[in-house]
Amino acid sequence: MTEQYHHKWSSREGEISDGQDFSKNFLRWCNELQNFTGDDWRKVYKRISDDIKKAAQHGKDSWPPSSLEVVAYTESIIAAAMYMPFDQSAAVEDITAKEKRFETGSKECKNILSLFD
């Protein structure tokens, strides 16, 4: 993270140790990321690199993610398959609502045409 974000990382997360012991923040990060596999680390690194590139392309500043964001970067997106757009053309339409809409439309068209008489 220090390699990617330089001083932003250390200013936000603090130093790794105080010279004697590891900092509480560093130990928290270690605890939250202890089950990461090589694939997880590759996903995180790619995501962080992509975020930095996108921010640079848009002239924005990129800040390091929190430890929970880093954990979330490894999780697969489940919702994408659950929420597919609904094809309205395949929907069954209420016949009475359609007839009422047609009747109202015809009536309004007649009103508009009467303005030109």
PDB file of N, CA and C in Angstrom:
ATOM      1  N   MET A   1       0.836  -1.187   0.000  1.00  0.00           N
ATOM      2  CA  MET A   1       0.000   0.000   0.000  1.00  0.00           C
ATOM      3  C   MET A   1       0.880   1.250   0.000  1.00  0.00           C
ATOM      4  N   THR A   2       1.988   1.186   0.713  1.00  0.00           N
ATOM      5  CA  THR A   2       2.891   2.331   0.736  1.00  0.00           C
ATOM      6  C   THR A   2       3.451   2.574  -0.661  1.00  0.00           C
ATOM      7  N   GLU A   3       3.692   1.491  -1.394  1.00  0.00           N
ATOM      8  CA  GLU A   3       4.208   1.620  -2.758  1.00  0.00           C
ATOM      9  C   GLU A   3       3.182   2.301  -3.665  1.00  0.00           C
ATOM     10  N   GLN A   4       1.915   1.977  -3.481  1.00  0.00           N
ATOM     11  CA  GLN A   4       0.859   2.527  -4.325  1.00  0.00           C
ATOM     12  C   GLN A   4       0.470   3.955  -3.937  1.00  0.00           C
ATOM     13  N   TYR A   5       0.370   4.212  -2.641  1.00  0.00           N
ATOM     14  CA  TYR A   5      -0.195   5.477  -2.170  1.00  0.00           C
ATOM     15  C   TYR A   5       0.816   6.409  -1.491  1.00  0.00           C
ATOM     16  N   HIS A   6       2.038   5.943  -1.291  1.00  0.00           N
ATOM     17  CA  HIS A   6       3.126   6.747  -0.716  1.00  0.00           C
ATOM     18  C   HIS A   6       2.718   7.361   0.631  1.00  0.00           C
ATOM     19  N   HIS A   7       2.867   8.676   0.755  1.00  0.00           N
ATOM     20  CA  HIS A   7       2.622   9.341   2.049  1.00  0.00           C
ATOM     21  C   HIS A   7       1.158   9.305   2.472  1.00  0.00           C
ATOM     22  N   LYS A   8       0.234   9.153   1.525  1.00  0.00           N
ATOM     23  CA  LYS A   8      -1.195   9.096   1.880  1.00  0.00           C
ATOM     24  C   LYS A   8      -1.470   7.896   2.780  1.00  0.00           C
ATOM     25  N   TRP A   9      -0.792   6.796   2.478  1.00  0.00           N
ATOM     26  CA  TRP A   9      -1.000   5.578   3.262  1.00  0.00           C
ATOM     27  C   TRP A   9      -0.526   5.759   4.699  1.00  0.00           C
ATOM     28  N   SER A  10       0.691   6.210   4.848  1.00  0.00           N
ATOM     29  CA  SER A  10       1.236   6.328   6.208  1.00  0.00           C
ATOM     30  C   SER A  10       0.553   7.444   6.990  1.00  0.00           C
ATOM     31  N   SER A  11       0.101   8.501   6.308  1.00  0.00           N
ATOM     32  CA  SER A  11      -0.595   9.568   7.038  1.00  0.00           C
ATOM     33  C   SER A  11      -1.973   9.118   7.495  1.00  0.00           C
ATOM     34  N   ARG A  12      -2.584   8.207   6.750  1.00  0.00           N
ATOM     35  CA  ARG A  12      -3.925   7.730   7.110  1.00  0.00           C
ATOM     36  C   ARG A  12      -3.864   6.566   8.100  1.00  0.00           C
ATOM     37  N   GLU A  13      -2.963   5.625   7.862  1.00  0.00           N
ATOM     38  CA  GLU A  13      -2.934   4.399   8.654  1.00  0.00           C
ATOM     39  C   GLU A  13      -1.885   4.415   9.764  1.00  0.00           C
ATOM     40  N   GLY A  14      -0.962   5.353   9.721  1.00  0.00           N
ATOM     41  CA  GLY A  14       0.070   5.416  10.756  1.00  0.00           C
ATOM     42  C   GLY A  14       1.236   4.503  10.444  1.00  0.00           C
ATOM     43  N   GLU A  15       2.178   4.505  11.312  1.00  0.00           N
ATOM     44  CA  GLU A  15       3.374   3.682  11.143  1.00  0.00           C
ATOM     45  C   GLU A  15       3.088   2.231  11.519  1.00  0.00           C
ATOM     46  N   ILE A  16       3.896   1.329  10.990  1.00  0.00           N
ATOM     47  CA  ILE A  16       3.731  -0.097  11.271  1.00  0.00           C
ATOM     48  C   ILE A  16       4.064  -0.406  12.725  1.00  0.00           C
ATOM     49  N   SER A  17       5.098   0.236  13.233  1.00  0.00           N
ATOM     50  CA  SER A  17       5.463  -0.014  14.628  1.00  0.00           C
ATOM     51  C   SER A  17       5.962   1.270  15.275  1.00  0.00           C
ATOM     52  N   ASP A  18       6.043   1.235  16.586  1.00  0.00           N
ATOM     53  CA  ASP A  18       6.564   2.386  17.329  1.00  0.00           C
ATOM     54  C   ASP A  18       8.029   2.170  17.697  1.00  0.00           C
ATOM     55  N   GLY A  19       8.654   1.200  17.056  1.00  0.00           N
ATOM     56  CA  GLY A  19      10.036   0.876  17.359  1.00  0.00           C
ATOM     57  C   GLY A  19      10.160  -0.351  18.242  1.00  0.00           C
ATOM     58  N   GLN A  20       9.186  -0.595  19.057  1.00  0.00           N
ATOM     59  CA  GLN A  20       9.183  -1.745  19.969  1.00  0.00           C
ATOM     60  C   GLN A  20       8.183  -2.810  19.510  1.00  0.00           C
ATOM     61  N   ASP A  21       6.941  -2.404  19.380  1.00  0.00           N
ATOM     62  CA  ASP A  21       5.866  -3.324  19.025  1.00  0.00           C
ATOM     63  C   ASP A  21       5.152  -2.831  17.770  1.00  0.00           C
ATOM     64  N   PHE A  22       4.401  -3.761  17.137  1.00  0.00           N
ATOM     65  CA  PHE A  22       3.580  -3.361  16.010  1.00  0.00           C
ATOM     66  C   PHE A  22       2.424  -2.502  16.515  1.00  0.00           C
ATOM     67  N   SER A  23       1.989  -1.555  15.689  1.00  0.00           N
ATOM     68  CA  SER A  23       0.873  -0.692  16.082  1.00  0.00           C
ATOM     69  C   SER A  23      -0.424  -1.492  16.083  1.00  0.00           C
ATOM     70  N   LYS A  24      -1.415  -1.026  16.821  1.00  0.00           N
ATOM     71  CA  LYS A  24      -2.718  -1.694  16.877  1.00  0.00           C
ATOM     72  C   LYS A  24      -3.370  -1.710  15.501  1.00  0.00           C
ATOM     73  N   ASN A  25      -3.203  -0.622  14.770  1.00  0.00           N
ATOM     74  CA  ASN A  25      -3.788  -0.525  13.441  1.00  0.00           C
ATOM     75  C   ASN A  25      -3.184  -1.575  12.504  1.00  0.00           C
ATOM     76  N   PHE A  26      -1.860  -1.742  12.559  1.00  0.00           N
ATOM     77  CA  PHE A  26      -1.195  -2.740  11.732  1.00  0.00           C
ATOM     78  C   PHE A  26      -1.671  -4.142  12.100  1.00  0.00           C
ATOM     79  N   LEU A  27      -1.788  -4.421  13.374  1.00  0.00           N
ATOM     80  CA  LEU A  27      -2.255  -5.742  13.819  1.00  0.00           C
ATOM     81  C   LEU A  27      -3.699  -5.995  13.397  1.00  0.00           C
ATOM     82  N   ARG A  28      -4.521  -4.949  13.399  1.00  0.00           N
ATOM     83  CA  ARG A  28      -5.914  -5.096  12.940  1.00  0.00           C
ATOM     84  C   ARG A  28      -5.936  -5.480  11.460  1.00  0.00           C
ATOM     85  N   TRP A  29      -5.129  -4.792  10.653  1.00  0.00           N
ATOM     86  CA  TRP A  29      -5.045  -5.122   9.231  1.00  0.00           C
ATOM     87  C   TRP A  29      -4.594  -6.577   9.051  1.00  0.00           C
ATOM     88  N   CYS A  30      -3.580  -6.981   9.776  1.00  0.00           N
ATOM     89  CA  CYS A  30      -3.082  -8.360   9.672  1.00  0.00           C
ATOM     90  C   CYS A  30      -4.168  -9.363  10.018  1.00  0.00           C
ATOM     91  N   ASN A  31      -4.939  -9.074  11.040  1.00  0.00           N
ATOM     92  CA  ASN A  31      -6.014  -9.956  11.466  1.00  0.00           C
ATOM     93  C   ASN A  31      -7.107 -10.055  10.401  1.00  0.00           C
ATOM     94  N   GLU A  32      -7.481  -8.919   9.819  1.00  0.00           N
ATOM     95  CA  GLU A  32      -8.564  -8.921   8.835  1.00  0.00           C
ATOM     96  C   GLU A  32      -8.150  -9.579   7.518  1.00  0.00           C
ATOM     97  N   LEU A  33      -6.861  -9.538   7.197  1.00  0.00           N
ATOM     98  CA  LEU A  33      -6.407 -10.072   5.909  1.00  0.00           C
ATOM     99  C   LEU A  33      -5.668 -11.405   6.040  1.00  0.00           C
ATOM    100  N   GLN A  34      -5.732 -12.030   7.198  1.00  0.00           N
ATOM    101  CA  GLN A  34      -4.948 -13.237   7.438  1.00  0.00           C
ATOM    102  C   GLN A  34      -5.338 -14.421   6.557  1.00  0.00           C
ATOM    103  N   ASN A  35      -6.569 -14.459   6.065  1.00  0.00           N
ATOM    104  CA  ASN A  35      -7.020 -15.591   5.253  1.00  0.00           C
ATOM    105  C   ASN A  35      -6.901 -15.350   3.753  1.00  0.00           C
ATOM    106  N   PHE A  36      -6.239 -14.290   3.362  1.00  0.00           N
ATOM    107  CA  PHE A  36      -6.096 -13.980   1.938  1.00  0.00           C
ATOM    108  C   PHE A  36      -5.223 -15.031   1.246  1.00  0.00           C
ATOM    109  N   THR A  37      -5.644 -15.414   0.055  1.00  0.00           N
ATOM    110  CA  THR A  37      -4.864 -16.327  -0.781  1.00  0.00           C
ATOM    111  C   THR A  37      -4.088 -15.493  -1.794  1.00  0.00           C
ATOM    112  N   GLY A  38      -3.268 -16.143  -2.572  1.00  0.00           N
ATOM    113  CA  GLY A  38      -2.539 -15.448  -3.634  1.00  0.00           C
ATOM    114  C   GLY A  38      -3.487 -14.796  -4.633  1.00  0.00           C
ATOM    115  N   ASP A  39      -4.582 -15.496  -4.959  1.00  0.00           N
ATOM    116  CA  ASP A  39      -5.578 -14.930  -5.878  1.00  0.00           C
ATOM    117  C   ASP A  39      -6.230 -13.690  -5.289  1.00  0.00           C
ATOM    118  N   ASP A  40      -6.505 -13.722  -3.993  1.00  0.00           N
ATOM    119  CA  ASP A  40      -7.098 -12.558  -3.325  1.00  0.00           C
ATOM    120  C   ASP A  40      -6.176 -11.351  -3.442  1.00  0.00           C
ATOM    121  N   TRP A  41      -4.897 -11.567  -3.179  1.00  0.00           N
ATOM    122  CA  TRP A  41      -3.940 -10.457  -3.257  1.00  0.00           C
ATOM    123  C   TRP A  41      -3.836  -9.922  -4.679  1.00  0.00           C
ATOM    124  N   ARG A  42      -3.900 -10.816  -5.677  1.00  0.00           N
ATOM    125  CA  ARG A  42      -3.855 -10.359  -7.076  1.00  0.00           C
ATOM    126  C   ARG A  42      -5.082  -9.517  -7.418  1.00  0.00           C
ATOM    127  N   LYS A  43      -6.253  -9.967  -6.968  1.00  0.00           N
ATOM    128  CA  LYS A  43      -7.493  -9.197  -7.202  1.00  0.00           C
ATOM    129  C   LYS A  43      -7.398  -7.811  -6.571  1.00  0.00           C
ATOM    130  N   VAL A  44      -6.930  -7.776  -5.340  1.00  0.00           N
ATOM    131  CA  VAL A  44      -6.831  -6.500  -4.622  1.00  0.00           C
ATOM    132  C   VAL A  44      -5.851  -5.570  -5.317  1.00  0.00           C
ATOM    133  N   TYR A  45      -4.696  -6.099  -5.684  1.00  0.00           N
ATOM    134  CA  TYR A  45      -3.678  -5.266  -6.332  1.00  0.00           C
ATOM    135  C   TYR A  45      -4.199  -4.717  -7.656  1.00  0.00           C
ATOM    136  N   LYS A  46      -4.882  -5.575  -8.431  1.00  0.00           N
ATOM    137  CA  LYS A  46      -5.434  -5.119  -9.710  1.00  0.00           C
ATOM    138  C   LYS A  46      -6.501  -4.049  -9.486  1.00  0.00           C
ATOM    139  N   ARG A  47      -7.377  -4.273  -8.521  1.00  0.00           N
ATOM    140  CA  ARG A  47      -8.443  -3.307  -8.243  1.00  0.00           C
ATOM    141  C   ARG A  47      -7.865  -1.960  -7.799  1.00  0.00           C
ATOM    142  N   ILE A  48      -6.880  -1.995  -6.915  1.00  0.00           N
ATOM    143  CA  ILE A  48      -6.270  -0.757  -6.432  1.00  0.00           C
ATOM    144  C   ILE A  48      -5.564  -0.043  -7.580  1.00  0.00           C
ATOM    145  N   SER A  49      -4.839  -0.776  -8.397  1.00  0.00           N
ATOM    146  CA  SER A  49      -4.159  -0.173  -9.548  1.00  0.00           C
ATOM    147  C   SER A  49      -5.154   0.449 -10.514  1.00  0.00           C
ATOM    148  N   ASP A  50      -6.252  -0.264 -10.786  1.00  0.00           N
ATOM    149  CA  ASP A  50      -7.295   0.267 -11.677  1.00  0.00           C
ATOM    150  C   ASP A  50      -7.928   1.536 -11.100  1.00  0.00           C
ATOM    151  N   ASP A  51      -8.186   1.542  -9.786  1.00  0.00           N
ATOM    152  CA  ASP A  51      -8.771   2.724  -9.141  1.00  0.00           C
ATOM    153  C   ASP A  51      -7.844   3.932  -9.251  1.00  0.00           C
ATOM    154  N   ILE A  52      -6.557   3.707  -9.061  1.00  0.00           N
ATOM    155  CA  ILE A  52      -5.585   4.799  -9.161  1.00  0.00           C
ATOM    156  C   ILE A  52      -5.526   5.333 -10.591  1.00  0.00           C
ATOM    157  N   LYS A  53      -5.541   4.425 -11.581  1.00  0.00           N
ATOM    158  CA  LYS A  53      -5.505   4.840 -12.992  1.00  0.00           C
ATOM    159  C   LYS A  53      -6.755   5.627 -13.368  1.00  0.00           C
ATOM    160  N   LYS A  54      -7.923   5.140 -12.952  1.00  0.00           N
ATOM    161  CA  LYS A  54      -9.179   5.842 -13.262  1.00  0.00           C
ATOM    162  C   LYS A  54      -9.198   7.238 -12.646  1.00  0.00           C
ATOM    163  N   ALA A  55      -8.751   7.330 -11.415  1.00  0.00           N
ATOM    164  CA  ALA A  55      -8.716   8.631 -10.750  1.00  0.00           C
ATOM    165  C   ALA A  55      -7.783   9.581 -11.486  1.00  0.00           C
ATOM    166  N   ALA A  56      -6.643   9.079 -11.914  1.00  0.00           N
ATOM    167  CA  ALA A  56      -5.678   9.924 -12.646  1.00  0.00           C
ATOM    168  C   ALA A  56      -6.247  10.371 -13.981  1.00  0.00           C
ATOM    169  N   GLN A  57      -6.969   9.488 -14.662  1.00  0.00           N
ATOM    170  CA  GLN A  57      -7.565   9.843 -15.949  1.00  0.00           C
ATOM    171  C   GLN A  57      -8.622  10.929 -15.815  1.00  0.00           C
ATOM    172  N   HIS A  58      -9.301  10.950 -14.675  1.00  0.00           N
ATOM    173  CA  HIS A  58     -10.343  11.953 -14.443  1.00  0.00           C
ATOM    174  C   HIS A  58      -9.829  13.153 -13.660  1.00  0.00           C
ATOM    175  N   GLY A  59      -8.522  13.203 -13.427  1.00  0.00           N
ATOM    176  CA  GLY A  59      -7.931  14.333 -12.717  1.00  0.00           C
ATOM    177  C   GLY A  59      -8.301  14.381 -11.247  1.00  0.00           C
ATOM    178  N   LYS A  60      -8.588  13.231 -10.682  1.00  0.00           N
ATOM    179  CA  LYS A  60      -8.969  13.172  -9.268  1.00  0.00           C
ATOM    180  C   LYS A  60      -7.843  12.557  -8.456  1.00  0.00           C
ATOM    181  N   ASP A  61      -7.955  12.712  -7.157  1.00  0.00           N
ATOM    182  CA  ASP A  61      -6.969  12.169  -6.241  1.00  0.00           C
ATOM    183  C   ASP A  61      -7.478  10.851  -5.683  1.00  0.00           C
ATOM    184  N   SER A  62      -6.641   9.853  -5.644  1.00  0.00           N
ATOM    185  CA  SER A  62      -7.034   8.539  -5.151  1.00  0.00           C
ATOM    186  C   SER A  62      -6.455   8.313  -3.765  1.00  0.00           C
ATOM    187  N   TRP A  63      -7.309   7.889  -2.847  1.00  0.00           N
ATOM    188  CA  TRP A  63      -6.874   7.629  -1.470  1.00  0.00           C
ATOM    189  C   TRP A  63      -6.918   6.139  -1.208  1.00  0.00           C
ATOM    190  N   PRO A  64      -6.096   5.662  -0.293  1.00  0.00           N
ATOM    191  CA  PRO A  64      -6.067   4.219  -0.008  1.00  0.00           C
ATOM    192  C   PRO A  64      -7.390   3.730   0.578  1.00  0.00           C
ATOM    193  N   PRO A  65      -7.753   2.503   0.237  1.00  0.00           N
ATOM    194  CA  PRO A  65      -8.982   1.936   0.788  1.00  0.00           C
ATOM    195  C   PRO A  65      -8.787   1.521   2.241  1.00  0.00           C
ATOM    196  N   SER A  66      -9.906   1.396   2.942  1.00  0.00           N
ATOM    197  CA  SER A  66      -9.854   0.885   4.310  1.00  0.00           C
ATOM    198  C   SER A  66      -9.658  -0.626   4.253  1.00  0.00           C
ATOM    199  N   SER A  67      -9.384  -1.229   5.383  1.00  0.00           N
ATOM    200  CA  SER A  67      -9.182  -2.679   5.417  1.00  0.00           C
ATOM    201  C   SER A  67     -10.460  -3.423   5.005  1.00  0.00           C
ATOM    202  N   LEU A  68     -11.618  -2.895   5.368  1.00  0.00           N
ATOM    203  CA  LEU A  68     -12.876  -3.548   4.980  1.00  0.00           C
ATOM    204  C   LEU A  68     -13.118  -3.443   3.478  1.00  0.00           C
ATOM    205  N   GLU A  69     -12.713  -2.328   2.882  1.00  0.00           N
ATOM    206  CA  GLU A  69     -12.824  -2.215   1.432  1.00  0.00           C
ATOM    207  C   GLU A  69     -11.920  -3.224   0.747  1.00  0.00           C
ATOM    208  N   VAL A  70     -10.734  -3.411   1.268  1.00  0.00           N
ATOM    209  CA  VAL A  70      -9.806  -4.383   0.692  1.00  0.00           C
ATOM    210  C   VAL A  70     -10.399  -5.786   0.766  1.00  0.00           C
ATOM    211  N   VAL A  71     -11.022  -6.122   1.872  1.00  0.00           N
ATOM    212  CA  VAL A  71     -11.682  -7.430   2.000  1.00  0.00           C
ATOM    213  C   VAL A  71     -12.814  -7.537   0.977  1.00  0.00           C
ATOM    214  N   ALA A  72     -13.574  -6.475   0.807  1.00  0.00           N
ATOM    215  CA  ALA A  72     -14.698  -6.489  -0.142  1.00  0.00           C
ATOM    216  C   ALA A  72     -14.221  -6.640  -1.581  1.00  0.00           C
ATOM    217  N   TYR A  73     -13.031  -6.153  -1.897  1.00  0.00           N
ATOM    218  CA  TYR A  73     -12.497  -6.277  -3.262  1.00  0.00           C
ATOM    219  C   TYR A  73     -12.347  -7.739  -3.679  1.00  0.00           C
ATOM    220  N   THR A  74     -12.197  -8.641  -2.737  1.00  0.00           N
ATOM    221  CA  THR A  74     -11.986 -10.053  -3.064  1.00  0.00           C
ATOM    222  C   THR A  74     -13.288 -10.820  -3.218  1.00  0.00           C
ATOM    223  N   GLU A  75     -14.376 -10.263  -2.754  1.00  0.00           N
ATOM    224  CA  GLU A  75     -15.656 -10.970  -2.805  1.00  0.00           C
ATOM    225  C   GLU A  75     -16.263 -10.853  -4.191  1.00  0.00           C
ATOM    226  N   SER A  76     -16.843 -11.941  -4.658  1.00  0.00           N
ATOM    227  CA  SER A  76     -17.469 -11.921  -5.974  1.00  0.00           C
ATOM    228  C   SER A  76     -18.799 -11.178  -5.899  1.00  0.00           C
ATOM    229  N   ILE A  77     -19.178 -10.612  -7.018  1.00  0.00           N
ATOM    230  CA  ILE A  77     -20.419  -9.840  -7.079  1.00  0.00           C
ATOM    231  C   ILE A  77     -21.572 -10.799  -7.356  1.00  0.00           C
ATOM    232  N   ILE A  78     -22.456 -10.920  -6.416  1.00  0.00           N
ATOM    233  CA  ILE A  78     -23.588 -11.828  -6.532  1.00  0.00           C
ATOM    234  C   ILE A  78     -24.786 -11.107  -7.148  1.00  0.00           C
ATOM    235  N   ALA A  79     -24.948  -9.856  -6.809  1.00  0.00           N
ATOM    236  CA  ALA A  79     -26.143  -9.111  -7.190  1.00  0.00           C
ATOM    237  C   ALA A  79     -26.268  -8.927  -8.693  1.00  0.00           C
ATOM    238  N   ALA A  80     -25.195  -8.954  -9.431  1.00  0.00           N
ATOM    239  CA  ALA A  80     -25.264  -8.691 -10.866  1.00  0.00           C
ATOM    240  C   ALA A  80     -26.204  -9.667 -11.577  1.00  0.00           C
ATOM    241  N   ALA A  81     -26.162 -10.923 -11.220  1.00  0.00           N
ATOM    242  CA  ALA A  81     -27.018 -11.911 -11.871  1.00  0.00           C
ATOM    243  C   ALA A  81     -28.438 -11.864 -11.328  1.00  0.00           C
ATOM    244  N   MET A  82     -28.610 -11.379 -10.111  1.00  0.00           N
ATOM    245  CA  MET A  82     -29.941 -11.350  -9.502  1.00  0.00           C
ATOM    246  C   MET A  82     -30.823 -10.261 -10.092  1.00  0.00           C
ATOM    247  N   TYR A  83     -30.241  -9.149 -10.463  1.00  0.00           N
ATOM    248  CA  TYR A  83     -31.023  -8.001 -10.890  1.00  0.00           C
ATOM    249  C   TYR A  83     -30.823  -7.745 -12.367  1.00  0.00           C
ATOM    250  N   MET A  84     -31.479  -8.553 -13.161  1.00  0.00           N
ATOM    251  CA  MET A  84     -31.391  -8.380 -14.600  1.00  0.00           C
ATOM    252  C   MET A  84     -32.540  -7.477 -15.043  1.00  0.00           C
ATOM    253  N   PRO A  85     -32.336  -6.701 -16.091  1.00  0.00           N
ATOM    254  CA  PRO A  85     -33.417  -5.835 -16.561  1.00  0.00           C
ATOM    255  C   PRO A  85     -34.612  -6.670 -17.042  1.00  0.00           C
ATOM    256  N   PHE A  86     -35.786  -6.154 -16.775  1.00  0.00           N
ATOM    257  CA  PHE A  86     -37.015  -6.847 -17.143  1.00  0.00           C
ATOM    258  C   PHE A  86     -37.431  -6.419 -18.540  1.00  0.00           C
ATOM    259  N   ASP A  87     -37.668  -7.384 -19.401  1.00  0.00           N
ATOM    260  CA  ASP A  87     -38.087  -7.107 -20.773  1.00  0.00           C
ATOM    261  C   ASP A  87     -39.584  -6.802 -20.770  1.00  0.00           C
ATOM    262  N   GLN A  88     -39.929  -5.520 -20.921  1.00  0.00           N
ATOM    263  CA  GLN A  88     -41.331  -5.104 -20.868  1.00  0.00           C
ATOM    264  C   GLN A  88     -42.156  -5.698 -22.008  1.00  0.00           C
ATOM    265  N   SER A  89     -41.524  -5.998 -23.141  1.00  0.00           N
ATOM    266  CA  SER A  89     -42.276  -6.551 -24.269  1.00  0.00           C
ATOM    267  C   SER A  89     -42.810  -7.948 -23.968  1.00  0.00           C
ATOM    268  N   ALA A  90     -42.209  -8.635 -23.014  1.00  0.00           N
ATOM    269  CA  ALA A  90     -42.667  -9.979 -22.655  1.00  0.00           C
ATOM    270  C   ALA A  90     -43.704  -9.952 -21.540  1.00  0.00           C
ATOM    271  N   ALA A  91     -44.018  -8.791 -21.027  1.00  0.00           N
ATOM    272  CA  ALA A  91     -44.960  -8.684 -19.908  1.00  0.00           C
ATOM    273  C   ALA A  91     -46.390  -8.889 -20.395  1.00  0.00           C
ATOM    274  N   VAL A  92     -47.212  -9.463 -19.544  1.00  0.00           N
ATOM    275  CA  VAL A  92     -48.626  -9.633 -19.841  1.00  0.00           C
ATOM    276  C   VAL A  92     -49.327  -8.353 -19.403  1.00  0.00           C
ATOM    277  N   GLU A  93     -50.005  -7.726 -20.354  1.00  0.00           N
ATOM    278  CA  GLU A  93     -50.636  -6.445 -20.063  1.00  0.00           C
ATOM    279  C   GLU A  93     -52.093  -6.636 -19.645  1.00  0.00           C
ATOM    280  N   ASP A  94     -52.541  -5.801 -18.740  1.00  0.00           N
ATOM    281  CA  ASP A  94     -53.927  -5.816 -18.302  1.00  0.00           C
ATOM    282  C   ASP A  94     -54.789  -5.259 -19.435  1.00  0.00           C
ATOM    283  N   ILE A  95     -55.689  -6.085 -19.969  1.00  0.00           N
ATOM    284  CA  ILE A  95     -56.507  -5.704 -21.129  1.00  0.00           C
ATOM    285  C   ILE A  95     -57.398  -4.503 -20.818  1.00  0.00           C
ATOM    286  N   THR A  96     -58.017  -4.476 -19.655  1.00  0.00           N
ATOM    287  CA  THR A  96     -58.908  -3.347 -19.326  1.00  0.00           C
ATOM    288  C   THR A  96     -58.110  -2.050 -19.209  1.00  0.00           C
ATOM    289  N   ALA A  97     -56.896  -2.109 -18.660  1.00  0.00           N
ATOM    290  CA  ALA A  97     -56.068  -0.905 -18.562  1.00  0.00           C
ATOM    291  C   ALA A  97     -55.672  -0.436 -19.954  1.00  0.00           C
ATOM    292  N   LYS A  98     -55.381  -1.378 -20.854  1.00  0.00           N
ATOM    293  CA  LYS A  98     -55.015  -1.029 -22.223  1.00  0.00           C
ATOM    294  C   LYS A  98     -56.199  -0.380 -22.944  1.00  0.00           C
ATOM    295  N   GLU A  99     -57.391  -0.948 -22.785  1.00  0.00           N
ATOM    296  CA  GLU A  99     -58.588  -0.387 -23.430  1.00  0.00           C
ATOM    297  C   GLU A  99     -58.874   1.014 -22.891  1.00  0.00           C
ATOM    298  N   LYS A 100     -58.734   1.198 -21.580  1.00  0.00           N
ATOM    299  CA  LYS A 100     -58.980   2.514 -20.982  1.00  0.00           C
ATOM    300  C   LYS A 100     -57.952   3.525 -21.486  1.00  0.00           C
ATOM    301  N   ARG A 101     -56.684   3.107 -21.592  1.00  0.00           N
ATOM    302  CA  ARG A 101     -55.646   3.991 -22.099  1.00  0.00           C
ATOM    303  C   ARG A 101     -55.920   4.371 -23.555  1.00  0.00           C
ATOM    304  N   PHE A 102     -56.367   3.419 -24.366  1.00  0.00           N
ATOM    305  CA  PHE A 102     -56.684   3.674 -25.761  1.00  0.00           C
ATOM    306  C   PHE A 102     -57.863   4.639 -25.878  1.00  0.00           C
ATOM    307  N   GLU A 103     -58.870   4.430 -25.056  1.00  0.00           N
ATOM    308  CA  GLU A 103     -60.055   5.296 -25.062  1.00  0.00           C
ATOM    309  C   GLU A 103     -59.689   6.728 -24.668  1.00  0.00           C
ATOM    310  N   THR A 104     -58.882   6.861 -23.622  1.00  0.00           N
ATOM    311  CA  THR A 104     -58.449   8.189 -23.170  1.00  0.00           C
ATOM    312  C   THR A 104     -57.611   8.865 -24.234  1.00  0.00           C
ATOM    313  N   GLY A 105     -56.723   8.120 -24.880  1.00  0.00           N
ATOM    314  CA  GLY A 105     -55.882   8.672 -25.943  1.00  0.00           C
ATOM    315  C   GLY A 105     -56.710   9.145 -27.126  1.00  0.00           C
ATOM    316  N   SER A 106     -57.694   8.345 -27.524  1.00  0.00           N
ATOM    317  CA  SER A 106     -58.564   8.724 -28.648  1.00  0.00           C
ATOM    318  C   SER A 106     -59.342   9.993 -28.327  1.00  0.00           C
ATOM    319  N   LYS A 107     -59.840  10.070 -27.110  1.00  0.00           N
ATOM    320  CA  LYS A 107     -60.613  11.244 -26.676  1.00  0.00           C
ATOM    321  C   LYS A 107     -59.740  12.498 -26.709  1.00  0.00           C
ATOM    322  N   GLU A 108     -58.519  12.390 -26.204  1.00  0.00           N
ATOM    323  CA  GLU A 108     -57.612  13.541 -26.180  1.00  0.00           C
ATOM    324  C   GLU A 108     -57.188  13.948 -27.588  1.00  0.00           C
ATOM    325  N   CYS A 109     -57.016  12.974 -28.474  1.00  0.00           N
ATOM    326  CA  CYS A 109     -56.675  13.288 -29.866  1.00  0.00           C
ATOM    327  C   CYS A 109     -57.815  14.061 -30.540  1.00  0.00           C
ATOM    328  N   LYS A 110     -59.046  13.641 -30.268  1.00  0.00           N
ATOM    329  CA  LYS A 110     -60.194  14.356 -30.826  1.00  0.00           C
ATOM    330  C   LYS A 110     -60.234  15.787 -30.305  1.00  0.00           C
ATOM    331  N   ASN A 111     -59.925  15.973 -29.017  1.00  0.00           N
ATOM    332  CA  ASN A 111     -59.899  17.334 -28.439  1.00  0.00           C
ATOM    333  C   ASN A 111     -58.839  18.184 -29.128  1.00  0.00           C
ATOM    334  N   ILE A 112     -57.682  17.610 -29.378  1.00  0.00           N
ATOM    335  CA  ILE A 112     -56.596  18.360 -30.028  1.00  0.00           C
ATOM    336  C   ILE A 112     -56.990  18.698 -31.458  1.00  0.00           C
ATOM    337  N   LEU A 113     -57.572  17.753 -32.184  1.00  0.00           N
ATOM    338  CA  LEU A 113     -57.988  17.995 -33.575  1.00  0.00           C
ATOM    339  C   LEU A 113     -59.087  19.059 -33.643  1.00  0.00           C
ATOM    340  N   SER A 114     -59.949  19.124 -32.635  1.00  0.00           N
ATOM    341  CA  SER A 114     -61.030  20.119 -32.643  1.00  0.00           C
ATOM    342  C   SER A 114     -60.476  21.541 -32.517  1.00  0.00           C
ATOM    343  N   LEU A 115     -59.271  21.683 -32.029  1.00  0.00           N
ATOM    344  CA  LEU A 115     -58.656  23.018 -31.923  1.00  0.00           C
ATOM    345  C   LEU A 115     -58.375  23.609 -33.311  1.00  0.00           C
ATOM    346  N   PHE A 116     -58.245  22.760 -34.327  1.00  0.00           N
ATOM    347  CA  PHE A 116     -57.932  23.222 -35.675  1.00  0.00           C
ATOM    348  C   PHE A 116     -59.168  23.441 -36.531  1.00  0.00           C
ATOM    349  N   ASP A 117     -60.339  23.216 -35.996  1.00  0.00           N
ATOM    350  CA  ASP A 117     -61.577  23.439 -36.763  1.00  0.00           C
ATOM    351  C   ASP A 117     -61.970  24.894 -36.773  1.00  0.00           C
TER     352      ASP A 117
END
